[in-house]
mmCIF file of all heavy atoms, coordinates in Angstrom:
data_MODEL
# 
_entry.id   MODEL 
# 
loop_
_atom_site.group_PDB 
_atom_site.id 
_atom_site.type_symbol 
_atom_site.label_atom_id 
_atom_site.label_alt_id 
_atom_site.label_comp_id 
_atom_site.label_asym_id 
_atom_site.label_entity_id 
_atom_site.label_seq_id 
_atom_site.pdbx_PDB_ins_code 
_atom_site.Cartn_x 
_atom_site.Cartn_y 
_atom_site.Cartn_z 
_atom_site.occupancy 
_atom_site.B_iso_or_equiv 
_atom_site.pdbx_formal_charge 
_atom_site.auth_seq_id 
_atom_site.auth_comp_id 
_atom_site.auth_asym_id 
_atom_site.auth_atom_id 
_atom_site.pdbx_PDB_model_num 
ATOM 1   N N   . LEU A 1 1  ? -45.156 12.141 -12.305 1.00 0.00 ? 1  LEU A N   1 
ATOM 2   C CA  . LEU A 1 1  ? -43.706 12.157 -12.550 1.00 0.00 ? 1  LEU A CA  1 
ATOM 3   C C   . LEU A 1 1  ? -43.270 11.056 -13.511 1.00 0.00 ? 1  LEU A C   1 
ATOM 4   O O   . LEU A 1 1  ? -42.209 11.167 -14.125 1.00 0.00 ? 1  LEU A O   1 
ATOM 5   C CB  . LEU A 1 1  ? -42.949 11.988 -11.229 1.00 0.00 ? 1  LEU A CB  1 
ATOM 6   C CG  . LEU A 1 1  ? -42.837 13.227 -10.336 1.00 0.00 ? 1  LEU A CG  1 
ATOM 7   C CD1 . LEU A 1 1  ? -42.284 12.837 -8.977  1.00 0.00 ? 1  LEU A CD1 1 
ATOM 8   C CD2 . LEU A 1 1  ? -41.964 14.289 -10.992 1.00 0.00 ? 1  LEU A CD2 1 
ATOM 9   N N   . ASP A 1 2  ? -44.064 9.997  -13.614 1.00 0.00 ? 2  ASP A N   1 
ATOM 10  C CA  . ASP A 1 2  ? -43.673 8.875  -14.479 1.00 0.00 ? 2  ASP A CA  1 
ATOM 11  C C   . ASP A 1 2  ? -43.512 9.342  -15.918 1.00 0.00 ? 2  ASP A C   1 
ATOM 12  O O   . ASP A 1 2  ? -44.331 10.103 -16.441 1.00 0.00 ? 2  ASP A O   1 
ATOM 13  C CB  . ASP A 1 2  ? -44.713 7.762  -14.405 1.00 0.00 ? 2  ASP A CB  1 
ATOM 14  C CG  . ASP A 1 2  ? -44.706 7.062  -13.055 1.00 0.00 ? 2  ASP A CG  1 
ATOM 15  O OD1 . ASP A 1 2  ? -43.714 7.198  -12.323 1.00 0.00 ? 2  ASP A OD1 1 
ATOM 16  O OD2 . ASP A 1 2  ? -45.703 6.383  -12.731 1.00 0.00 ? 2  ASP A OD2 1 
ATOM 17  N N   . ASP A 1 3  ? -42.451 8.871  -16.532 1.00 0.00 ? 3  ASP A N   1 
ATOM 18  C CA  . ASP A 1 3  ? -42.177 9.246  -17.917 1.00 0.00 ? 3  ASP A CA  1 
ATOM 19  C C   . ASP A 1 3  ? -43.144 8.552  -18.875 1.00 0.00 ? 3  ASP A C   1 
ATOM 20  O O   . ASP A 1 3  ? -43.572 7.410  -18.648 1.00 0.00 ? 3  ASP A O   1 
ATOM 21  C CB  . ASP A 1 3  ? -40.736 8.876  -18.303 1.00 0.00 ? 3  ASP A CB  1 
ATOM 22  C CG  . ASP A 1 3  ? -39.710 9.698  -17.533 1.00 0.00 ? 3  ASP A CG  1 
ATOM 23  O OD1 . ASP A 1 3  ? -40.017 10.869 -17.226 1.00 0.00 ? 3  ASP A OD1 1 
ATOM 24  O OD2 . ASP A 1 3  ? -38.624 9.169  -17.239 1.00 0.00 ? 3  ASP A OD2 1 
ATOM 25  N N   . ASP A 1 4  ? -43.508 9.258  -19.938 1.00 0.00 ? 4  ASP A N   1 
ATOM 26  C CA  . ASP A 1 4  ? -44.354 8.671  -20.972 1.00 0.00 ? 4  ASP A CA  1 
ATOM 27  C C   . ASP A 1 4  ? -43.514 7.806  -21.901 1.00 0.00 ? 4  ASP A C   1 
ATOM 28  O O   . ASP A 1 4  ? -42.295 7.979  -22.010 1.00 0.00 ? 4  ASP A O   1 
ATOM 29  C CB  . ASP A 1 4  ? -45.021 9.787  -21.788 1.00 0.00 ? 4  ASP A CB  1 
ATOM 30  C CG  . ASP A 1 4  ? -45.935 10.651 -20.940 1.00 0.00 ? 4  ASP A CG  1 
ATOM 31  O OD1 . ASP A 1 4  ? -46.705 10.084 -20.148 1.00 0.00 ? 4  ASP A OD1 1 
ATOM 32  O OD2 . ASP A 1 4  ? -45.867 11.883 -21.057 1.00 0.00 ? 4  ASP A OD2 1 
ATOM 33  N N   . PRO A 1 5  ? -44.155 6.849  -22.571 1.00 0.00 ? 5  PRO A N   1 
ATOM 34  C CA  . PRO A 1 5  ? -43.424 6.076  -23.590 1.00 0.00 ? 5  PRO A CA  1 
ATOM 35  C C   . PRO A 1 5  ? -42.836 7.025  -24.638 1.00 0.00 ? 5  PRO A C   1 
ATOM 36  O O   . PRO A 1 5  ? -43.449 8.034  -24.998 1.00 0.00 ? 5  PRO A O   1 
ATOM 37  C CB  . PRO A 1 5  ? -44.508 5.178  -24.191 1.00 0.00 ? 5  PRO A CB  1 
ATOM 38  C CG  . PRO A 1 5  ? -45.579 5.122  -23.154 1.00 0.00 ? 5  PRO A CG  1 
ATOM 39  C CD  . PRO A 1 5  ? -45.560 6.437  -22.456 1.00 0.00 ? 5  PRO A CD  1 
ATOM 40  N N   . GLU A 1 6  ? -41.655 6.699  -25.094 1.00 0.00 ? 6  GLU A N   1 
ATOM 41  C CA  . GLU A 1 6  ? -40.986 7.565  -26.068 1.00 0.00 ? 6  GLU A CA  1 
ATOM 42  C C   . GLU A 1 6  ? -41.268 7.058  -27.482 1.00 0.00 ? 6  GLU A C   1 
ATOM 43  O O   . GLU A 1 6  ? -40.792 6.004  -27.881 1.00 0.00 ? 6  GLU A O   1 
ATOM 44  C CB  . GLU A 1 6  ? -39.482 7.621  -25.807 1.00 0.00 ? 6  GLU A CB  1 
ATOM 45  C CG  . GLU A 1 6  ? -39.127 8.306  -24.489 1.00 0.00 ? 6  GLU A CG  1 
ATOM 46  C CD  . GLU A 1 6  ? -37.614 8.488  -24.329 1.00 0.00 ? 6  GLU A CD  1 
ATOM 47  O OE1 . GLU A 1 6  ? -36.895 8.188  -25.305 1.00 0.00 ? 6  GLU A OE1 1 
ATOM 48  O OE2 . GLU A 1 6  ? -37.180 8.892  -23.247 1.00 0.00 ? 6  GLU A OE2 1 
ATOM 49  N N   . PHE A 1 7  ? -42.082 7.793  -28.210 1.00 0.00 ? 7  PHE A N   1 
ATOM 50  C CA  . PHE A 1 7  ? -42.305 7.527  -29.630 1.00 0.00 ? 7  PHE A CA  1 
ATOM 51  C C   . PHE A 1 7  ? -42.756 8.818  -30.282 1.00 0.00 ? 7  PHE A C   1 
ATOM 52  O O   . PHE A 1 7  ? -43.188 9.760  -29.609 1.00 0.00 ? 7  PHE A O   1 
ATOM 53  C CB  . PHE A 1 7  ? -43.337 6.404  -29.841 1.00 0.00 ? 7  PHE A CB  1 
ATOM 54  C CG  . PHE A 1 7  ? -44.683 6.662  -29.196 1.00 0.00 ? 7  PHE A CG  1 
ATOM 55  C CD1 . PHE A 1 7  ? -45.592 7.560  -29.749 1.00 0.00 ? 7  PHE A CD1 1 
ATOM 56  C CD2 . PHE A 1 7  ? -45.052 5.983  -28.042 1.00 0.00 ? 7  PHE A CD2 1 
ATOM 57  C CE1 . PHE A 1 7  ? -46.821 7.789  -29.158 1.00 0.00 ? 7  PHE A CE1 1 
ATOM 58  C CE2 . PHE A 1 7  ? -46.280 6.214  -27.453 1.00 0.00 ? 7  PHE A CE2 1 
ATOM 59  C CZ  . PHE A 1 7  ? -47.165 7.120  -28.004 1.00 0.00 ? 7  PHE A CZ  1 
ATOM 60  N N   . ARG A 1 8  ? -42.652 8.842  -31.573 1.00 0.00 ? 8  ARG A N   1 
ATOM 61  C CA  . ARG A 1 8  ? -43.090 10.013 -32.340 1.00 0.00 ? 8  ARG A CA  1 
ATOM 62  C C   . ARG A 1 8  ? -43.989 9.542  -33.468 1.00 0.00 ? 8  ARG A C   1 
ATOM 63  O O   . ARG A 1 8  ? -43.670 8.585  -34.177 1.00 0.00 ? 8  ARG A O   1 
ATOM 64  C CB  . ARG A 1 8  ? -41.888 10.774 -32.905 1.00 0.00 ? 8  ARG A CB  1 
ATOM 65  C CG  . ARG A 1 8  ? -40.983 11.388 -31.828 1.00 0.00 ? 8  ARG A CG  1 
ATOM 66  C CD  . ARG A 1 8  ? -39.908 12.267 -32.436 1.00 0.00 ? 8  ARG A CD  1 
ATOM 67  N NE  . ARG A 1 8  ? -39.082 11.510 -33.381 1.00 0.00 ? 8  ARG A NE  1 
ATOM 68  C CZ  . ARG A 1 8  ? -38.332 12.074 -34.332 1.00 0.00 ? 8  ARG A CZ  1 
ATOM 69  N NH1 . ARG A 1 8  ? -38.337 13.383 -34.478 1.00 0.00 ? 8  ARG A NH1 1 
ATOM 70  N NH2 . ARG A 1 8  ? -37.603 11.327 -35.130 1.00 0.00 ? 8  ARG A NH2 1 
ATOM 71  N N   . LEU A 1 9  ? -45.116 10.213 -33.595 1.00 0.00 ? 9  LEU A N   1 
ATOM 72  C CA  . LEU A 1 9  ? -46.110 9.838  -34.589 1.00 0.00 ? 9  LEU A CA  1 
ATOM 73  C C   . LEU A 1 9  ? -46.224 10.920 -35.659 1.00 0.00 ? 9  LEU A C   1 
ATOM 74  O O   . LEU A 1 9  ? -46.143 12.114 -35.356 1.00 0.00 ? 9  LEU A O   1 
ATOM 75  C CB  . LEU A 1 9  ? -47.476 9.646  -33.934 1.00 0.00 ? 9  LEU A CB  1 
ATOM 76  C CG  . LEU A 1 9  ? -47.584 8.606  -32.809 1.00 0.00 ? 9  LEU A CG  1 
ATOM 77  C CD1 . LEU A 1 9  ? -48.988 8.638  -32.216 1.00 0.00 ? 9  LEU A CD1 1 
ATOM 78  C CD2 . LEU A 1 9  ? -47.249 7.219  -33.328 1.00 0.00 ? 9  LEU A CD2 1 
ATOM 79  N N   . THR A 1 10 ? -46.454 10.468 -36.879 1.00 0.00 ? 10 THR A N   1 
ATOM 80  C CA  . THR A 1 10 ? -46.800 11.427 -37.924 1.00 0.00 ? 10 THR A CA  1 
ATOM 81  C C   . THR A 1 10 ? -48.254 11.847 -37.735 1.00 0.00 ? 10 THR A C   1 
ATOM 82  O O   . THR A 1 10 ? -48.993 11.253 -36.961 1.00 0.00 ? 10 THR A O   1 
ATOM 83  C CB  . THR A 1 10 ? -46.619 10.801 -39.308 1.00 0.00 ? 10 THR A CB  1 
ATOM 84  O OG1 . THR A 1 10 ? -47.562 9.717  -39.452 1.00 0.00 ? 10 THR A OG1 1 
ATOM 85  C CG2 . THR A 1 10 ? -45.206 10.266 -39.502 1.00 0.00 ? 10 THR A CG2 1 
ATOM 86  N N   . ALA A 1 11 ? -48.666 12.862 -38.461 1.00 0.00 ? 11 ALA A N   1 
ATOM 87  C CA  . ALA A 1 11 ? -50.048 13.331 -38.350 1.00 0.00 ? 11 ALA A CA  1 
ATOM 88  C C   . ALA A 1 11 ? -51.030 12.235 -38.733 1.00 0.00 ? 11 ALA A C   1 
ATOM 89  O O   . ALA A 1 11 ? -52.065 12.048 -38.081 1.00 0.00 ? 11 ALA A O   1 
ATOM 90  C CB  . ALA A 1 11 ? -50.246 14.568 -39.220 1.00 0.00 ? 11 ALA A CB  1 
ATOM 91  N N   . SER A 1 12 ? -50.728 11.493 -39.777 1.00 0.00 ? 12 SER A N   1 
ATOM 92  C CA  . SER A 1 12 ? -51.640 10.428 -40.203 1.00 0.00 ? 12 SER A CA  1 
ATOM 93  C C   . SER A 1 12 ? -51.682 9.303  -39.183 1.00 0.00 ? 12 SER A C   1 
ATOM 94  O O   . SER A 1 12 ? -52.744 8.719  -38.923 1.00 0.00 ? 12 SER A O   1 
ATOM 95  C CB  . SER A 1 12 ? -51.217 9.890  -41.575 1.00 0.00 ? 12 SER A CB  1 
ATOM 96  O OG  . SER A 1 12 ? -49.905 9.342  -41.518 1.00 0.00 ? 12 SER A OG  1 
ATOM 97  N N   . GLU A 1 13 ? -50.532 8.976  -38.558 1.00 0.00 ? 13 GLU A N   1 
ATOM 98  C CA  . GLU A 1 13 ? -50.506 7.935  -37.528 1.00 0.00 ? 13 GLU A CA  1 
ATOM 99  C C   . GLU A 1 13 ? -51.293 8.386  -36.285 1.00 0.00 ? 13 GLU A C   1 
ATOM 100 O O   . GLU A 1 13 ? -52.000 7.588  -35.669 1.00 0.00 ? 13 GLU A O   1 
ATOM 101 C CB  . GLU A 1 13 ? -49.065 7.616  -37.149 1.00 0.00 ? 13 GLU A CB  1 
ATOM 102 C CG  . GLU A 1 13 ? -48.296 6.879  -38.246 1.00 0.00 ? 13 GLU A CG  1 
ATOM 103 C CD  . GLU A 1 13 ? -46.817 6.796  -37.964 1.00 0.00 ? 13 GLU A CD  1 
ATOM 104 O OE1 . GLU A 1 13 ? -46.309 7.633  -37.185 1.00 0.00 ? 13 GLU A OE1 1 
ATOM 105 O OE2 . GLU A 1 13 ? -46.154 5.906  -38.524 1.00 0.00 ? 13 GLU A OE2 1 
ATOM 106 N N   . LEU A 1 14 ? -51.169 9.658  -35.960 1.00 0.00 ? 14 LEU A N   1 
ATOM 107 C CA  . LEU A 1 14 ? -51.903 10.188 -34.819 1.00 0.00 ? 14 LEU A CA  1 
ATOM 108 C C   . LEU A 1 14 ? -53.405 10.150 -35.072 1.00 0.00 ? 14 LEU A C   1 
ATOM 109 O O   . LEU A 1 14 ? -54.187 9.756  -34.204 1.00 0.00 ? 14 LEU A O   1 
ATOM 110 C CB  . LEU A 1 14 ? -51.451 11.621 -34.526 1.00 0.00 ? 14 LEU A CB  1 
ATOM 111 C CG  . LEU A 1 14 ? -52.149 12.319 -33.358 1.00 0.00 ? 14 LEU A CG  1 
ATOM 112 C CD1 . LEU A 1 14 ? -51.880 11.587 -32.049 1.00 0.00 ? 14 LEU A CD1 1 
ATOM 113 C CD2 . LEU A 1 14 ? -51.700 13.773 -33.251 1.00 0.00 ? 14 LEU A CD2 1 
ATOM 114 N N   . ALA A 1 15 ? -53.805 10.528 -36.272 1.00 0.00 ? 15 ALA A N   1 
ATOM 115 C CA  . ALA A 1 15 ? -55.231 10.511 -36.615 1.00 0.00 ? 15 ALA A CA  1 
ATOM 116 C C   . ALA A 1 15 ? -55.769 9.089  -36.564 1.00 0.00 ? 15 ALA A C   1 
ATOM 117 O O   . ALA A 1 15 ? -56.851 8.835  -36.020 1.00 0.00 ? 15 ALA A O   1 
ATOM 118 C CB  . ALA A 1 15 ? -55.437 11.116 -37.998 1.00 0.00 ? 15 ALA A CB  1 
ATOM 119 N N   . ARG A 1 16 ? -55.027 8.144  -37.098 1.00 0.00 ? 16 ARG A N   1 
ATOM 120 C CA  . ARG A 1 16 ? -55.477 6.758  -37.119 1.00 0.00 ? 16 ARG A CA  1 
ATOM 121 C C   . ARG A 1 16 ? -55.527 6.173  -35.708 1.00 0.00 ? 16 ARG A C   1 
ATOM 122 O O   . ARG A 1 16 ? -56.460 5.453  -35.360 1.00 0.00 ? 16 ARG A O   1 
ATOM 123 C CB  . ARG A 1 16 ? -54.541 5.933  -38.001 1.00 0.00 ? 16 ARG A CB  1 
ATOM 124 C CG  . ARG A 1 16 ? -54.993 4.479  -38.182 1.00 0.00 ? 16 ARG A CG  1 
ATOM 125 C CD  . ARG A 1 16 ? -54.190 3.763  -39.250 1.00 0.00 ? 16 ARG A CD  1 
ATOM 126 N NE  . ARG A 1 16 ? -52.780 3.679  -38.913 1.00 0.00 ? 16 ARG A NE  1 
ATOM 127 C CZ  . ARG A 1 16 ? -51.823 4.407  -39.501 1.00 0.00 ? 16 ARG A CZ  1 
ATOM 128 N NH1 . ARG A 1 16 ? -52.130 5.281  -40.448 1.00 0.00 ? 16 ARG A NH1 1 
ATOM 129 N NH2 . ARG A 1 16 ? -50.558 4.269  -39.145 1.00 0.00 ? 16 ARG A NH2 1 
ATOM 130 N N   . SER A 1 17 ? -54.550 6.501  -34.865 1.00 0.00 ? 17 SER A N   1 
ATOM 131 C CA  . SER A 1 17 ? -54.487 5.949  -33.510 1.00 0.00 ? 17 SER A CA  1 
ATOM 132 C C   . SER A 1 17 ? -55.548 6.528  -32.598 1.00 0.00 ? 17 SER A C   1 
ATOM 133 O O   . SER A 1 17 ? -55.985 5.868  -31.645 1.00 0.00 ? 17 SER A O   1 
ATOM 134 C CB  . SER A 1 17 ? -53.101 6.206  -32.907 1.00 0.00 ? 17 SER A CB  1 
ATOM 135 O OG  . SER A 1 17 ? -52.089 5.586  -33.666 1.00 0.00 ? 17 SER A OG  1 
ATOM 136 N N   . SER A 1 18 ? -55.960 7.753  -32.863 1.00 0.00 ? 18 SER A N   1 
ATOM 137 C CA  . SER A 1 18 ? -56.918 8.426  -31.994 1.00 0.00 ? 18 SER A CA  1 
ATOM 138 C C   . SER A 1 18 ? -58.349 8.354  -32.501 1.00 0.00 ? 18 SER A C   1 
ATOM 139 O O   . SER A 1 18 ? -59.292 8.639  -31.752 1.00 0.00 ? 18 SER A O   1 
ATOM 140 C CB  . SER A 1 18 ? -56.528 9.891  -31.814 1.00 0.00 ? 18 SER A CB  1 
ATOM 141 O OG  . SER A 1 18 ? -56.560 10.566 -33.071 1.00 0.00 ? 18 SER A OG  1 
ATOM 142 N N   . GLY A 1 19 ? -58.523 8.012  -33.758 1.00 0.00 ? 19 GLY A N   1 
ATOM 143 C CA  . GLY A 1 19 ? -59.859 7.989  -34.329 1.00 0.00 ? 19 GLY A CA  1 
ATOM 144 C C   . GLY A 1 19 ? -60.322 9.325  -34.859 1.00 0.00 ? 19 GLY A C   1 
ATOM 145 O O   . GLY A 1 19 ? -61.508 9.503  -35.167 1.00 0.00 ? 19 GLY A O   1 
ATOM 146 N N   . LEU A 1 20 ? -59.405 10.281 -34.980 1.00 0.00 ? 20 LEU A N   1 
ATOM 147 C CA  . LEU A 1 20 ? -59.745 11.598 -35.519 1.00 0.00 ? 20 LEU A CA  1 
ATOM 148 C C   . LEU A 1 20 ? -59.628 11.599 -37.033 1.00 0.00 ? 20 LEU A C   1 
ATOM 149 O O   . LEU A 1 20 ? -58.759 10.919 -37.598 1.00 0.00 ? 20 LEU A O   1 
ATOM 150 C CB  . LEU A 1 20 ? -58.812 12.673 -34.943 1.00 0.00 ? 20 LEU A CB  1 
ATOM 151 C CG  . LEU A 1 20 ? -58.965 13.016 -33.460 1.00 0.00 ? 20 LEU A CG  1 
ATOM 152 C CD1 . LEU A 1 20 ? -57.838 13.943 -33.035 1.00 0.00 ? 20 LEU A CD1 1 
ATOM 153 C CD2 . LEU A 1 20 ? -60.314 13.660 -33.195 1.00 0.00 ? 20 LEU A CD2 1 
ATOM 154 N N   . ASP A 1 21 ? -60.469 12.379 -37.685 1.00 0.00 ? 21 ASP A N   1 
ATOM 155 C CA  . ASP A 1 21 ? -60.268 12.581 -39.114 1.00 0.00 ? 21 ASP A CA  1 
ATOM 156 C C   . ASP A 1 21 ? -59.239 13.689 -39.307 1.00 0.00 ? 21 ASP A C   1 
ATOM 157 O O   . ASP A 1 21 ? -59.032 14.527 -38.415 1.00 0.00 ? 21 ASP A O   1 
ATOM 158 C CB  . ASP A 1 21 ? -61.591 12.949 -39.790 1.00 0.00 ? 21 ASP A CB  1 
ATOM 159 C CG  . ASP A 1 21 ? -62.192 14.214 -39.221 1.00 0.00 ? 21 ASP A CG  1 
ATOM 160 O OD1 . ASP A 1 21 ? -61.724 15.311 -39.569 1.00 0.00 ? 21 ASP A OD1 1 
ATOM 161 O OD2 . ASP A 1 21 ? -63.126 14.108 -38.398 1.00 0.00 ? 21 ASP A OD2 1 
ATOM 162 N N   . PRO A 1 22 ? -58.560 13.723 -40.453 1.00 0.00 ? 22 PRO A N   1 
ATOM 163 C CA  . PRO A 1 22 ? -57.493 14.707 -40.669 1.00 0.00 ? 22 PRO A CA  1 
ATOM 164 C C   . PRO A 1 22 ? -57.949 16.149 -40.483 1.00 0.00 ? 22 PRO A C   1 
ATOM 165 O O   . PRO A 1 22 ? -57.194 16.980 -39.949 1.00 0.00 ? 22 PRO A O   1 
ATOM 166 C CB  . PRO A 1 22 ? -57.061 14.435 -42.110 1.00 0.00 ? 22 PRO A CB  1 
ATOM 167 C CG  . PRO A 1 22 ? -57.389 12.987 -42.328 1.00 0.00 ? 22 PRO A CG  1 
ATOM 168 C CD  . PRO A 1 22 ? -58.649 12.756 -41.562 1.00 0.00 ? 22 PRO A CD  1 
ATOM 169 N N   . ALA A 1 23 ? -59.163 16.471 -40.885 1.00 0.00 ? 23 ALA A N   1 
ATOM 170 C CA  . ALA A 1 23 ? -59.637 17.847 -40.750 1.00 0.00 ? 23 ALA A CA  1 
ATOM 171 C C   . ALA A 1 23 ? -59.743 18.255 -39.280 1.00 0.00 ? 23 ALA A C   1 
ATOM 172 O O   . ALA A 1 23 ? -59.373 19.374 -38.898 1.00 0.00 ? 23 ALA A O   1 
ATOM 173 C CB  . ALA A 1 23 ? -60.988 18.007 -41.447 1.00 0.00 ? 23 ALA A CB  1 
ATOM 174 N N   . THR A 1 24 ? -60.253 17.344 -38.442 1.00 0.00 ? 24 THR A N   1 
ATOM 175 C CA  . THR A 1 24 ? -60.376 17.656 -37.019 1.00 0.00 ? 24 THR A CA  1 
ATOM 176 C C   . THR A 1 24 ? -59.006 17.766 -36.379 1.00 0.00 ? 24 THR A C   1 
ATOM 177 O O   . THR A 1 24 ? -58.772 18.636 -35.529 1.00 0.00 ? 24 THR A O   1 
ATOM 178 C CB  . THR A 1 24 ? -61.202 16.565 -36.303 1.00 0.00 ? 24 THR A CB  1 
ATOM 179 O OG1 . THR A 1 24 ? -62.490 16.479 -36.906 1.00 0.00 ? 24 THR A OG1 1 
ATOM 180 C CG2 . THR A 1 24 ? -61.349 16.884 -34.829 1.00 0.00 ? 24 THR A CG2 1 
# 
């Protein structure tokens, strides 16, 4: 039930934060 932190990431920010390459 706990709320997640509220933020929005761009695709490039998401890839960088997760360690994914853009193609994946």
